[in-house]
N, C-alpha and C. Protein backbone atom coordinates (compact mmCIF):
# COMPACT_ATOMS: atom_id res chain seq x y z
N MET A 1 11.08 28.42 3.50
CA MET A 1 10.50 27.76 2.28
C MET A 1 9.46 26.60 2.85
N PRO A 2 8.20 26.49 2.61
CA PRO A 2 7.53 25.53 2.92
C PRO A 2 7.90 24.14 2.37
N VAL A 3 7.82 23.13 3.38
CA VAL A 3 8.56 21.91 3.10
C VAL A 3 7.90 21.26 1.76
N PHE A 4 6.61 21.27 1.50
CA PHE A 4 6.04 20.57 0.27
C PHE A 4 6.46 21.50 -0.83
N ASP A 5 7.06 22.64 -0.75
CA ASP A 5 7.37 23.20 -2.02
C ASP A 5 8.85 22.83 -2.57
N LEU A 6 9.42 21.96 -1.91
CA LEU A 6 10.65 21.32 -2.18
C LEU A 6 10.65 20.66 -3.71
N THR A 7 11.79 21.10 -4.51
CA THR A 7 11.89 20.49 -5.70
C THR A 7 12.53 19.07 -5.56
N ARG A 8 12.37 18.25 -6.41
CA ARG A 8 13.23 16.92 -6.29
C ARG A 8 14.40 17.18 -6.46
N ARG A 9 15.19 18.11 -7.03
CA ARG A 9 16.59 18.54 -6.90
C ARG A 9 17.06 18.99 -5.59
N GLN A 10 15.95 19.78 -5.04
CA GLN A 10 16.25 20.37 -3.77
C GLN A 10 16.38 19.27 -2.59
N PHE A 11 15.22 18.18 -2.70
CA PHE A 11 15.26 17.32 -1.94
C PHE A 11 16.47 16.51 -1.95
N GLY A 12 16.86 16.07 -3.15
CA GLY A 12 18.22 15.16 -3.14
C GLY A 12 19.37 15.84 -2.76
N GLY A 13 19.30 17.39 -2.87
CA GLY A 13 20.37 17.93 -2.42
C GLY A 13 20.78 18.09 -1.16
N MET A 14 19.65 17.83 -0.31
CA MET A 14 19.66 17.72 1.26
C MET A 14 20.42 16.37 1.58
N PHE A 15 20.37 15.52 0.69
CA PHE A 15 21.20 14.15 1.13
C PHE A 15 22.68 14.20 0.63
N ALA A 16 22.95 14.97 -0.38
CA ALA A 16 24.20 15.47 -0.71
C ALA A 16 24.97 16.03 0.36
N GLY A 17 24.11 17.06 0.85
CA GLY A 17 24.85 18.03 1.83
C GLY A 17 25.11 17.17 3.14
N ALA A 18 24.13 16.11 3.38
CA ALA A 18 24.26 15.42 4.75
C ALA A 18 25.46 14.51 4.77
N ALA A 19 25.64 14.14 3.23
CA ALA A 19 26.98 13.34 3.16
C ALA A 19 28.13 13.94 2.62
N ALA A 20 28.15 15.32 2.92
CA ALA A 20 29.40 16.00 2.31
C ALA A 20 30.76 15.65 3.15
N GLY A 21 30.52 14.81 4.39
CA GLY A 21 31.80 14.40 4.80
C GLY A 21 32.55 13.24 4.21
N GLY A 22 31.97 12.67 3.17
CA GLY A 22 32.42 11.61 2.48
C GLY A 22 31.63 10.60 2.41
N GLY A 23 31.74 9.89 1.26
CA GLY A 23 30.74 8.49 1.03
C GLY A 23 29.63 8.95 0.58
N LYS A 24 28.78 7.73 0.29
CA LYS A 24 27.43 7.79 -0.10
C LYS A 24 26.44 8.21 1.17
N PRO A 25 25.39 8.95 0.94
CA PRO A 25 24.46 9.20 2.13
C PRO A 25 23.78 7.83 2.64
N LYS A 26 23.76 7.54 3.76
CA LYS A 26 22.92 6.25 4.38
C LYS A 26 21.62 6.43 4.46
N VAL A 27 20.80 5.39 4.03
CA VAL A 27 19.53 5.22 4.27
C VAL A 27 19.10 4.07 5.00
N ALA A 28 17.98 4.51 5.85
CA ALA A 28 17.54 3.27 6.53
C ALA A 28 15.85 3.24 5.84
N CYS A 29 15.63 1.89 5.88
CA CYS A 29 14.19 1.53 4.90
C CYS A 29 13.38 0.81 6.18
N ILE A 30 11.98 1.38 6.24
CA ILE A 30 11.30 0.83 7.40
C ILE A 30 10.11 0.37 6.34
N LEU A 31 9.95 -1.04 6.54
CA LEU A 31 9.24 -1.91 5.53
C LEU A 31 7.99 -2.74 6.30
N ASN A 32 6.91 -2.61 5.55
CA ASN A 32 5.76 -3.66 6.11
C ASN A 32 6.27 -5.09 5.70
N VAL A 33 6.70 -5.39 4.39
CA VAL A 33 7.00 -6.59 4.05
C VAL A 33 7.83 -6.30 2.54
N TYR A 34 8.60 -7.31 2.25
CA TYR A 34 9.42 -7.24 1.06
C TYR A 34 9.43 -8.73 0.36
N PHE A 35 8.59 -8.68 -0.51
CA PHE A 35 8.60 -9.83 -1.34
C PHE A 35 8.54 -9.69 -2.83
N PRO A 36 8.78 -10.58 -3.84
CA PRO A 36 8.87 -10.20 -5.21
C PRO A 36 7.62 -9.47 -5.85
N ASN A 37 8.18 -8.38 -6.60
CA ASN A 37 7.25 -7.41 -7.19
C ASN A 37 6.27 -6.59 -6.16
N SER A 38 6.70 -6.55 -4.85
CA SER A 38 6.07 -5.62 -3.92
C SER A 38 6.65 -4.11 -4.27
N HIS A 39 6.03 -3.28 -3.51
CA HIS A 39 6.63 -1.91 -3.48
C HIS A 39 7.89 -1.82 -2.89
N ALA A 40 8.12 -2.62 -1.89
CA ALA A 40 9.65 -2.81 -1.27
C ALA A 40 10.45 -3.20 -2.51
N ASP A 41 10.05 -4.23 -3.24
CA ASP A 41 11.14 -4.66 -4.35
C ASP A 41 11.52 -3.81 -5.47
N VAL A 42 10.29 -2.89 -5.78
CA VAL A 42 10.32 -2.02 -6.92
C VAL A 42 11.29 -0.80 -6.33
N PHE A 43 11.04 -0.39 -5.12
CA PHE A 43 11.48 0.72 -4.53
C PHE A 43 13.04 0.49 -4.18
N ILE A 44 13.25 -0.65 -3.28
CA ILE A 44 14.58 -0.83 -2.60
C ILE A 44 15.52 -1.55 -3.70
N GLY A 45 14.89 -2.45 -4.61
CA GLY A 45 15.59 -2.95 -5.52
C GLY A 45 16.59 -1.88 -6.39
N ARG A 46 16.17 -0.75 -6.58
CA ARG A 46 16.82 0.48 -7.16
C ARG A 46 17.74 0.91 -6.31
N LEU A 47 17.38 1.06 -5.04
CA LEU A 47 18.53 1.40 -3.97
C LEU A 47 19.61 0.82 -3.88
N LEU A 48 19.34 -0.68 -4.06
CA LEU A 48 20.60 -1.52 -3.80
C LEU A 48 21.26 -2.07 -5.19
N GLU A 49 20.36 -1.85 -6.11
CA GLU A 49 21.15 -2.49 -7.60
C GLU A 49 21.18 -1.36 -8.61
N GLY A 50 20.53 -0.24 -8.55
CA GLY A 50 20.52 0.60 -9.36
C GLY A 50 19.51 0.42 -10.31
N TYR A 51 19.35 1.12 -11.73
CA TYR A 51 18.43 0.80 -12.68
C TYR A 51 19.02 1.20 -14.15
N ARG A 52 18.05 0.85 -15.07
CA ARG A 52 18.30 1.39 -16.38
C ARG A 52 17.14 2.18 -16.87
N LEU A 53 17.52 3.16 -17.65
CA LEU A 53 16.55 4.20 -18.29
C LEU A 53 17.27 4.73 -19.37
N ASN A 54 16.22 4.51 -20.57
CA ASN A 54 16.65 4.86 -21.86
C ASN A 54 18.04 4.39 -22.41
N GLY A 55 18.20 3.25 -22.01
CA GLY A 55 19.45 2.45 -22.49
C GLY A 55 20.62 2.65 -21.90
N LYS A 56 20.62 3.36 -20.63
CA LYS A 56 21.66 3.86 -19.70
C LYS A 56 21.53 3.06 -18.32
N SER A 57 22.66 2.66 -17.76
CA SER A 57 22.51 2.31 -16.42
C SER A 57 22.92 2.99 -15.56
N TYR A 58 22.31 3.20 -14.45
CA TYR A 58 22.57 4.24 -13.43
C TYR A 58 23.01 3.38 -11.86
N SER A 59 23.87 3.70 -11.38
CA SER A 59 24.21 3.02 -10.02
C SER A 59 23.55 3.73 -8.91
N PRO A 60 23.29 3.17 -7.65
CA PRO A 60 22.76 3.57 -6.56
C PRO A 60 23.61 4.85 -6.04
N ARG A 61 23.08 5.97 -5.65
CA ARG A 61 23.83 6.95 -5.25
C ARG A 61 23.67 7.39 -3.66
N VAL A 62 23.04 6.38 -3.21
CA VAL A 62 22.92 6.19 -1.59
C VAL A 62 23.36 4.68 -1.27
N GLU A 63 23.58 4.66 0.00
CA GLU A 63 23.90 3.31 0.62
C GLU A 63 22.73 2.82 1.59
N THR A 64 22.13 1.70 1.26
CA THR A 64 21.20 1.28 2.14
C THR A 64 21.86 0.45 3.10
N VAL A 65 21.51 0.97 4.44
CA VAL A 65 22.51 0.43 5.51
C VAL A 65 21.55 -0.37 6.58
N SER A 66 20.37 -0.27 6.59
CA SER A 66 19.54 -0.83 7.38
C SER A 66 17.92 -1.04 7.13
N PHE A 67 17.23 -2.14 7.58
CA PHE A 67 16.12 -2.48 7.42
C PHE A 67 15.36 -2.68 8.68
N PHE A 68 14.13 -2.16 8.97
CA PHE A 68 13.17 -2.70 9.77
C PHE A 68 12.01 -3.34 8.81
N VAL A 69 11.60 -4.47 9.22
CA VAL A 69 11.02 -5.29 8.48
C VAL A 69 9.79 -5.65 9.31
N HIS A 70 8.25 -5.44 9.18
CA HIS A 70 7.39 -5.87 10.08
C HIS A 70 7.08 -7.23 9.85
N GLN A 71 6.86 -7.62 8.73
CA GLN A 71 6.34 -9.05 8.32
C GLN A 71 7.27 -9.93 7.26
N PHE A 72 7.42 -11.19 7.64
CA PHE A 72 8.13 -11.86 7.00
C PHE A 72 7.24 -13.16 6.37
N PRO A 73 6.71 -13.10 5.19
CA PRO A 73 5.92 -14.22 4.64
C PRO A 73 6.91 -15.27 4.18
N VAL A 74 6.15 -16.32 3.69
CA VAL A 74 7.01 -17.50 2.98
C VAL A 74 7.88 -17.05 1.83
N ASN A 75 7.45 -15.86 1.19
CA ASN A 75 8.28 -15.46 0.07
C ASN A 75 9.09 -14.24 0.42
N ASP A 76 9.44 -14.06 1.46
CA ASP A 76 10.13 -13.00 1.89
C ASP A 76 11.61 -12.87 1.17
N MET A 77 11.84 -11.66 0.76
CA MET A 77 13.14 -11.20 0.22
C MET A 77 14.04 -10.70 1.16
N ALA A 78 13.55 -10.04 2.27
CA ALA A 78 14.21 -9.13 2.91
C ALA A 78 15.58 -9.69 3.62
N ARG A 79 15.35 -10.80 4.24
CA ARG A 79 16.67 -11.46 4.76
C ARG A 79 17.63 -12.01 3.59
N GLU A 80 17.27 -12.27 2.35
CA GLU A 80 18.26 -12.70 1.22
C GLU A 80 18.86 -11.37 0.82
N GLN A 81 18.17 -10.43 0.45
CA GLN A 81 18.61 -9.06 0.06
C GLN A 81 19.74 -8.50 1.12
N ALA A 82 19.29 -8.57 2.25
CA ALA A 82 20.09 -7.96 3.39
C ALA A 82 21.30 -8.67 3.43
N ALA A 83 21.24 -9.99 3.41
CA ALA A 83 22.65 -10.80 3.29
C ALA A 83 23.47 -10.42 2.25
N GLU A 84 22.79 -10.16 0.91
CA GLU A 84 23.64 -10.06 -0.26
C GLU A 84 24.36 -8.75 -0.17
N TYR A 85 23.42 -7.74 0.28
CA TYR A 85 24.03 -6.22 0.16
C TYR A 85 24.58 -5.79 1.49
N GLY A 86 24.83 -6.55 2.38
CA GLY A 86 25.38 -6.19 3.77
C GLY A 86 24.42 -5.18 4.56
N VAL A 87 23.18 -5.27 4.45
CA VAL A 87 22.18 -4.58 5.12
C VAL A 87 21.74 -5.14 6.42
N LYS A 88 21.86 -4.50 7.44
CA LYS A 88 21.39 -4.83 8.86
C LYS A 88 19.92 -4.85 8.85
N ILE A 89 19.30 -5.92 9.11
CA ILE A 89 18.05 -6.06 9.79
C ILE A 89 17.81 -5.80 11.11
N CYS A 90 17.06 -4.80 11.57
CA CYS A 90 17.14 -4.26 12.86
C CYS A 90 15.70 -4.44 13.42
N PRO A 91 15.55 -4.87 14.70
CA PRO A 91 14.20 -5.37 15.33
C PRO A 91 13.41 -4.17 15.64
N SER A 92 13.79 -2.89 15.51
CA SER A 92 12.84 -1.76 15.72
C SER A 92 13.14 -0.65 14.78
N VAL A 93 12.16 0.32 14.61
CA VAL A 93 12.44 1.30 13.85
C VAL A 93 13.67 2.17 14.36
N ALA A 94 13.75 2.33 15.74
CA ALA A 94 14.52 3.12 16.46
C ALA A 94 16.10 2.61 16.04
N GLU A 95 16.13 1.36 16.20
CA GLU A 95 17.48 0.75 15.93
C GLU A 95 17.75 0.94 14.36
N ALA A 96 16.87 0.80 13.38
CA ALA A 96 17.12 0.83 12.00
C ALA A 96 17.82 2.31 11.72
N LEU A 97 17.30 3.55 12.67
CA LEU A 97 17.61 4.75 12.24
C LEU A 97 18.97 5.00 13.06
N ARG A 98 19.44 4.28 14.02
CA ARG A 98 20.58 4.41 14.95
C ARG A 98 21.48 3.50 14.49
N ILE A 99 21.17 2.36 13.84
CA ILE A 99 22.09 1.42 13.40
C ILE A 99 22.84 0.78 14.50
N GLY A 100 21.94 0.52 15.80
CA GLY A 100 22.50 -0.01 16.88
C GLY A 100 23.28 0.80 17.66
N GLY A 101 23.41 2.13 17.33
CA GLY A 101 23.91 3.12 18.41
C GLY A 101 23.00 3.81 19.07
N SER A 102 23.44 4.91 19.60
CA SER A 102 22.55 5.53 20.59
C SER A 102 21.95 7.09 19.86
N LYS A 103 22.38 7.39 18.57
CA LYS A 103 21.85 8.53 18.02
C LYS A 103 21.79 8.14 16.60
N ILE A 104 21.05 8.94 15.77
CA ILE A 104 20.58 8.65 14.25
C ILE A 104 21.77 8.59 13.59
N ALA A 105 21.92 7.61 12.80
CA ALA A 105 23.30 7.39 12.12
C ALA A 105 23.23 7.22 10.44
N VAL A 106 21.87 7.82 10.30
CA VAL A 106 21.63 7.61 8.76
C VAL A 106 21.28 9.23 8.16
N ASP A 107 21.33 9.24 7.05
CA ASP A 107 21.19 10.68 6.39
C ASP A 107 19.73 10.84 5.76
N GLY A 108 18.83 9.75 5.80
CA GLY A 108 17.66 9.54 5.22
C GLY A 108 16.93 8.17 5.50
N VAL A 109 15.64 8.47 5.58
CA VAL A 109 14.55 7.37 5.83
C VAL A 109 13.65 7.25 4.82
N ALA A 110 13.45 5.76 4.27
CA ALA A 110 12.46 5.62 3.54
C ALA A 110 11.16 4.74 4.05
N VAL A 111 10.11 5.02 4.20
CA VAL A 111 8.94 4.30 4.76
C VAL A 111 8.11 3.63 3.47
N ILE A 112 8.19 2.40 3.31
CA ILE A 112 7.51 1.61 2.29
C ILE A 112 6.38 0.94 3.06
N GLY A 113 5.26 1.67 3.35
CA GLY A 113 4.24 0.95 4.08
C GLY A 113 3.14 0.37 3.34
N GLU A 114 3.38 -0.38 2.53
CA GLU A 114 2.60 -1.03 1.51
C GLU A 114 2.53 -2.48 1.52
N HIS A 115 1.39 -2.99 1.21
CA HIS A 115 1.32 -4.79 1.28
C HIS A 115 1.48 -5.24 2.67
N GLY A 116 1.14 -6.33 2.77
CA GLY A 116 1.17 -7.07 4.07
C GLY A 116 -0.18 -7.62 4.52
N ASP A 117 -0.14 -8.38 5.72
CA ASP A 117 -1.27 -8.88 6.28
C ASP A 117 -2.07 -8.10 7.21
N TYR A 118 -2.98 -7.06 6.91
CA TYR A 118 -3.49 -6.12 7.78
C TYR A 118 -4.87 -6.00 7.48
N PRO A 119 -5.71 -5.87 8.42
CA PRO A 119 -7.23 -5.58 8.42
C PRO A 119 -7.52 -4.47 7.78
N ARG A 120 -8.84 -4.37 7.28
CA ARG A 120 -9.33 -3.22 6.55
C ARG A 120 -10.35 -2.41 7.23
N THR A 121 -10.43 -1.31 7.13
CA THR A 121 -11.52 -0.28 7.86
C THR A 121 -12.96 -0.71 7.36
N ARG A 122 -13.82 -0.01 7.94
CA ARG A 122 -15.32 -0.35 7.26
C ARG A 122 -15.40 0.27 5.99
N ARG A 123 -14.68 1.16 5.63
CA ARG A 123 -14.82 1.94 4.25
C ARG A 123 -14.01 0.90 3.20
N GLY A 124 -13.26 -0.12 3.72
CA GLY A 124 -12.41 -0.82 2.93
C GLY A 124 -10.97 -0.66 2.58
N ASN A 125 -10.50 0.59 3.41
CA ASN A 125 -9.00 0.82 3.43
C ASN A 125 -8.27 -0.09 4.24
N PHE A 126 -7.28 -0.61 3.52
CA PHE A 126 -6.31 -1.53 4.20
C PHE A 126 -5.58 -0.49 5.55
N MET A 127 -5.42 -1.08 6.62
CA MET A 127 -4.95 -0.44 7.89
C MET A 127 -3.43 -0.58 7.72
N TYR A 128 -2.84 -0.09 6.76
CA TYR A 128 -1.37 -0.01 6.86
C TYR A 128 -0.86 0.92 7.80
N PRO A 129 0.27 0.44 8.62
CA PRO A 129 0.48 1.31 9.73
C PRO A 129 1.63 2.64 9.34
N ARG A 130 1.33 3.07 8.33
CA ARG A 130 2.24 4.23 7.85
C ARG A 130 2.28 5.38 9.08
N LYS A 131 1.18 5.50 9.57
CA LYS A 131 1.30 6.73 10.61
C LYS A 131 2.01 6.16 11.77
N ARG A 132 2.02 4.93 12.03
CA ARG A 132 2.65 4.28 13.27
C ARG A 132 4.27 4.40 12.86
N TRP A 133 4.58 4.10 11.66
CA TRP A 133 6.13 4.27 11.31
C TRP A 133 6.56 5.45 11.39
N PHE A 134 5.74 6.42 10.90
CA PHE A 134 6.09 7.87 10.81
C PHE A 134 6.02 8.49 12.35
N ASP A 135 5.34 7.94 13.25
CA ASP A 135 5.37 8.39 14.67
C ASP A 135 6.69 7.92 15.00
N GLU A 136 7.23 6.62 14.77
CA GLU A 136 8.46 6.08 15.39
C GLU A 136 9.54 6.93 14.79
N VAL A 137 9.64 7.00 13.64
CA VAL A 137 10.61 7.66 13.09
C VAL A 137 10.87 9.20 13.55
N THR A 138 9.82 9.81 13.57
CA THR A 138 9.96 11.28 14.09
C THR A 138 10.09 11.30 15.58
N ALA A 139 9.60 10.26 16.25
CA ALA A 139 10.19 10.07 17.91
C ALA A 139 11.60 10.08 18.06
N VAL A 140 12.25 9.35 17.13
CA VAL A 140 13.70 9.11 17.30
C VAL A 140 14.42 10.62 16.71
N MET A 141 13.74 11.17 15.79
CA MET A 141 14.16 12.64 15.60
C MET A 141 14.10 13.41 16.72
N GLU A 142 13.09 13.44 17.29
CA GLU A 142 12.93 14.44 18.36
C GLU A 142 13.86 14.06 19.54
N ALA A 143 14.18 12.86 19.72
CA ALA A 143 15.01 12.47 21.03
C ALA A 143 16.37 12.73 20.61
N ASP A 144 16.71 12.51 19.40
CA ASP A 144 17.95 12.48 18.96
C ASP A 144 18.42 14.01 18.58
N ARG A 145 17.27 14.96 18.62
CA ARG A 145 17.54 16.24 18.18
C ARG A 145 18.10 16.39 16.68
N LYS A 146 17.62 15.73 15.86
CA LYS A 146 18.15 15.54 14.58
C LYS A 146 17.16 15.40 13.30
N ILE A 147 17.03 16.15 12.48
CA ILE A 147 16.10 15.88 11.33
C ILE A 147 16.70 15.41 10.09
N VAL A 148 16.25 14.52 9.60
CA VAL A 148 16.68 13.87 8.34
C VAL A 148 15.59 13.87 7.20
N PRO A 149 15.90 13.89 5.92
CA PRO A 149 14.76 13.77 5.04
C PRO A 149 13.98 12.49 5.01
N LEU A 150 12.82 12.54 5.02
CA LEU A 150 11.78 11.28 5.00
C LEU A 150 10.95 11.03 3.74
N PHE A 151 11.01 9.91 3.16
CA PHE A 151 10.09 9.63 1.94
C PHE A 151 9.20 8.61 2.49
N ASN A 152 7.82 8.82 2.13
CA ASN A 152 6.72 7.96 2.57
C ASN A 152 6.09 7.37 1.31
N ASP A 153 6.19 6.37 0.88
CA ASP A 153 5.63 5.70 -0.17
C ASP A 153 4.23 5.71 -0.31
N LYS A 154 3.39 6.14 -1.20
CA LYS A 154 1.97 6.25 -1.56
C LYS A 154 1.45 7.23 -0.58
N TYR A 155 0.16 7.22 -0.12
CA TYR A 155 -0.53 8.31 0.74
C TYR A 155 0.06 8.23 2.13
N LEU A 156 -0.46 9.23 2.89
CA LEU A 156 -0.01 9.42 4.20
C LEU A 156 -0.52 8.45 5.37
N ALA A 157 -1.80 8.25 5.28
CA ALA A 157 -2.68 7.40 6.36
C ALA A 157 -4.03 6.97 5.77
N TYR A 158 -4.59 5.97 6.52
CA TYR A 158 -5.79 5.64 5.99
C TYR A 158 -6.80 6.28 6.79
N GLU A 159 -6.60 7.08 7.77
CA GLU A 159 -7.46 8.08 8.36
C GLU A 159 -7.30 9.48 8.11
N TRP A 160 -8.23 10.48 7.75
CA TRP A 160 -7.92 11.97 7.55
C TRP A 160 -7.38 12.48 8.66
N THR A 161 -7.67 12.04 10.02
CA THR A 161 -6.86 12.99 11.01
C THR A 161 -5.56 12.41 11.11
N ASP A 162 -5.30 11.15 10.91
CA ASP A 162 -3.78 10.85 11.05
C ASP A 162 -2.97 11.55 10.01
N ALA A 163 -3.32 11.55 8.71
CA ALA A 163 -2.84 12.12 7.70
C ALA A 163 -2.55 13.72 8.06
N MET A 164 -3.60 14.36 8.51
CA MET A 164 -3.63 15.81 8.84
C MET A 164 -2.27 15.99 10.11
N ALA A 165 -2.40 15.10 11.05
CA ALA A 165 -1.35 15.17 11.91
C ALA A 165 -0.03 14.88 11.59
N MET A 166 0.23 13.99 10.63
CA MET A 166 1.38 13.92 9.92
C MET A 166 1.80 15.12 9.07
N TYR A 167 0.89 15.53 8.32
CA TYR A 167 1.34 16.78 7.67
C TYR A 167 1.71 18.04 8.58
N LYS A 168 0.97 18.19 9.71
CA LYS A 168 1.14 19.14 10.54
C LYS A 168 2.67 19.09 11.25
N ARG A 169 2.87 17.83 11.55
CA ARG A 169 4.20 17.50 12.18
C ARG A 169 5.64 17.90 11.09
N VAL A 170 5.17 17.49 9.97
CA VAL A 170 6.19 17.72 8.85
C VAL A 170 6.43 19.21 8.63
N ARG A 171 5.17 20.04 8.75
CA ARG A 171 5.20 21.44 8.37
C ARG A 171 5.87 22.30 9.76
N ASP A 172 5.43 21.70 10.82
CA ASP A 172 6.08 22.55 11.94
C ASP A 172 7.54 22.04 12.27
N TRP A 173 7.92 20.99 11.97
CA TRP A 173 9.11 20.47 12.45
C TRP A 173 10.12 20.83 11.17
N LYS A 174 9.65 21.23 10.02
CA LYS A 174 10.47 21.53 8.78
C LYS A 174 10.93 20.35 8.40
N ILE A 175 10.41 19.01 8.49
CA ILE A 175 11.16 17.71 7.86
C ILE A 175 11.33 17.94 6.55
N PRO A 176 12.42 17.76 5.63
CA PRO A 176 12.28 17.48 4.32
C PRO A 176 11.46 16.28 3.87
N PHE A 177 10.48 16.29 3.34
CA PHE A 177 9.52 15.16 3.11
C PHE A 177 8.97 15.08 1.71
N ALA A 178 8.81 13.85 1.27
CA ALA A 178 8.24 13.53 0.01
C ALA A 178 7.56 12.25 0.17
N CYS A 179 6.31 12.11 -0.57
CA CYS A 179 5.62 11.02 -0.80
C CYS A 179 5.21 10.70 -2.36
N GLY A 180 4.70 9.53 -2.45
CA GLY A 180 4.23 9.28 -3.65
C GLY A 180 4.17 7.87 -3.98
N SER A 181 3.98 7.31 -5.22
CA SER A 181 3.81 5.72 -5.51
C SER A 181 5.05 5.59 -6.19
N SER A 182 5.41 4.20 -6.18
CA SER A 182 6.42 3.53 -6.81
C SER A 182 5.86 3.30 -8.34
N LEU A 183 4.86 3.43 -8.43
CA LEU A 183 4.13 2.94 -9.87
C LEU A 183 4.76 4.13 -10.95
N PRO A 184 5.61 3.74 -11.81
CA PRO A 184 6.10 4.79 -12.78
C PRO A 184 5.21 5.10 -14.08
N LEU A 185 4.18 4.18 -14.20
CA LEU A 185 3.26 4.49 -15.45
C LEU A 185 2.41 3.51 -15.24
N THR A 186 1.36 3.83 -16.36
CA THR A 186 0.34 2.95 -16.34
C THR A 186 -0.25 2.75 -17.97
N TRP A 187 -1.03 1.99 -18.28
CA TRP A 187 -1.42 1.99 -19.66
C TRP A 187 -2.46 3.12 -19.80
N ARG A 188 -2.63 3.60 -21.05
CA ARG A 188 -3.52 4.32 -21.74
C ARG A 188 -4.34 3.72 -22.71
N ARG A 189 -5.63 3.48 -22.46
CA ARG A 189 -6.58 2.88 -23.37
C ARG A 189 -7.54 3.97 -23.85
N PRO A 190 -7.78 4.20 -24.95
CA PRO A 190 -6.92 3.74 -26.07
C PRO A 190 -5.50 4.36 -25.97
N ALA A 191 -4.39 3.77 -26.61
CA ALA A 191 -3.11 4.31 -26.64
C ALA A 191 -2.87 5.48 -27.20
N LEU A 192 -3.16 6.58 -26.52
CA LEU A 192 -3.04 7.83 -27.08
C LEU A 192 -1.58 8.41 -26.59
N GLU A 193 -0.86 9.04 -27.79
CA GLU A 193 0.37 9.69 -27.72
C GLU A 193 0.16 11.17 -27.64
N PHE A 194 0.92 11.90 -26.97
CA PHE A 194 0.98 13.20 -26.96
C PHE A 194 2.36 13.88 -27.00
N PRO A 195 2.26 15.28 -27.59
CA PRO A 195 3.73 15.80 -27.90
C PRO A 195 4.36 15.88 -26.39
N ARG A 196 5.62 15.86 -26.52
CA ARG A 196 6.37 16.03 -25.13
C ARG A 196 6.10 17.57 -24.68
N GLY A 197 5.89 17.65 -23.41
CA GLY A 197 5.74 19.05 -22.46
C GLY A 197 4.34 19.43 -22.66
N ILE A 198 3.41 18.75 -23.37
CA ILE A 198 2.03 19.25 -23.46
C ILE A 198 1.44 19.31 -22.08
N ALA A 199 0.78 20.38 -21.80
CA ALA A 199 0.00 20.81 -20.57
C ALA A 199 -1.37 20.25 -20.50
N PHE A 200 -1.99 19.52 -19.57
CA PHE A 200 -3.37 19.21 -19.53
C PHE A 200 -4.01 20.24 -18.49
N ASP A 201 -5.40 20.44 -18.73
CA ASP A 201 -6.30 21.06 -17.93
C ASP A 201 -6.83 20.14 -16.89
N GLU A 202 -7.30 18.93 -17.39
CA GLU A 202 -7.87 18.04 -16.53
C GLU A 202 -7.42 16.54 -16.90
N VAL A 203 -7.51 15.59 -16.16
CA VAL A 203 -7.08 14.18 -16.48
C VAL A 203 -8.07 13.27 -15.71
N LEU A 204 -8.71 12.27 -16.38
CA LEU A 204 -9.56 11.32 -15.65
C LEU A 204 -8.93 10.07 -15.54
N ALA A 205 -8.97 9.44 -14.46
CA ALA A 205 -8.57 7.91 -14.23
C ALA A 205 -9.77 7.31 -13.91
N VAL A 206 -9.91 5.99 -14.60
CA VAL A 206 -10.92 5.09 -14.22
C VAL A 206 -10.57 3.76 -13.82
N SER A 207 -11.03 3.34 -12.78
CA SER A 207 -10.45 2.13 -12.08
C SER A 207 -11.62 1.14 -12.27
N THR A 208 -11.53 -0.21 -12.39
CA THR A 208 -12.46 -1.19 -12.46
C THR A 208 -12.18 -2.17 -11.14
N ARG A 209 -11.27 -1.65 -10.31
CA ARG A 209 -11.01 -2.53 -8.94
C ARG A 209 -10.90 -1.54 -7.71
N ASP A 210 -10.67 -2.13 -6.74
CA ASP A 210 -10.61 -1.44 -5.51
C ASP A 210 -9.50 -0.39 -5.42
N MET A 211 -9.74 0.84 -5.59
CA MET A 211 -8.83 1.83 -5.63
C MET A 211 -7.55 1.94 -4.65
N GLU A 212 -8.03 1.22 -3.43
CA GLU A 212 -6.75 1.08 -2.33
C GLU A 212 -5.66 0.21 -3.04
N GLU A 213 -6.06 -0.67 -4.00
CA GLU A 213 -4.88 -1.47 -4.51
C GLU A 213 -4.23 -1.06 -5.87
N LYS A 214 -4.80 0.01 -6.27
CA LYS A 214 -4.27 0.65 -7.64
C LYS A 214 -2.97 1.30 -7.40
N GLY A 215 -1.85 0.72 -7.93
CA GLY A 215 -0.47 1.67 -7.81
C GLY A 215 0.01 1.42 -6.39
């Protein structure tokens, strides 16, 4: 089965299988930066604290055990959250996956490579080091001869050649892989409402700002 054809249920099932030995699946989070209302806050807050949806509360079904954090601004949340929830902050990606041991000790990895102080390309794209984190994560998988599910927040890389190299490695190594944005919704103007289950042939999104910074 091609890895990009995995359904959400199948992807989640791989975590369940990995944790069949007992306890919640363990997750390592690789972050550019973690501050209030950042992608890391939106994403990891749910891993640590759970969430509410349609009037119901849901507890985390995974255990976040380690962070690698690249930058610590003055409004950093990583240290405080790590201390409160017993998460280990590691000095490298490899150590976050191995939790200080000699082999991968987590059942999955989330790379939140959004935000932070990074330069732009000539086209205006932020040079977020998602490809670098991907390379470091997969280098550990190769060295330890163990593949674990990998989530990549937002797009793959700011250069097409890097994105294609990531895609090829995921395909060739059959890495269970998912990517997407933490933005769950946006405004509709005018505020149109559609019947549940309706199918669209085309959707147009219009931005008045830098598309790099949308969602």
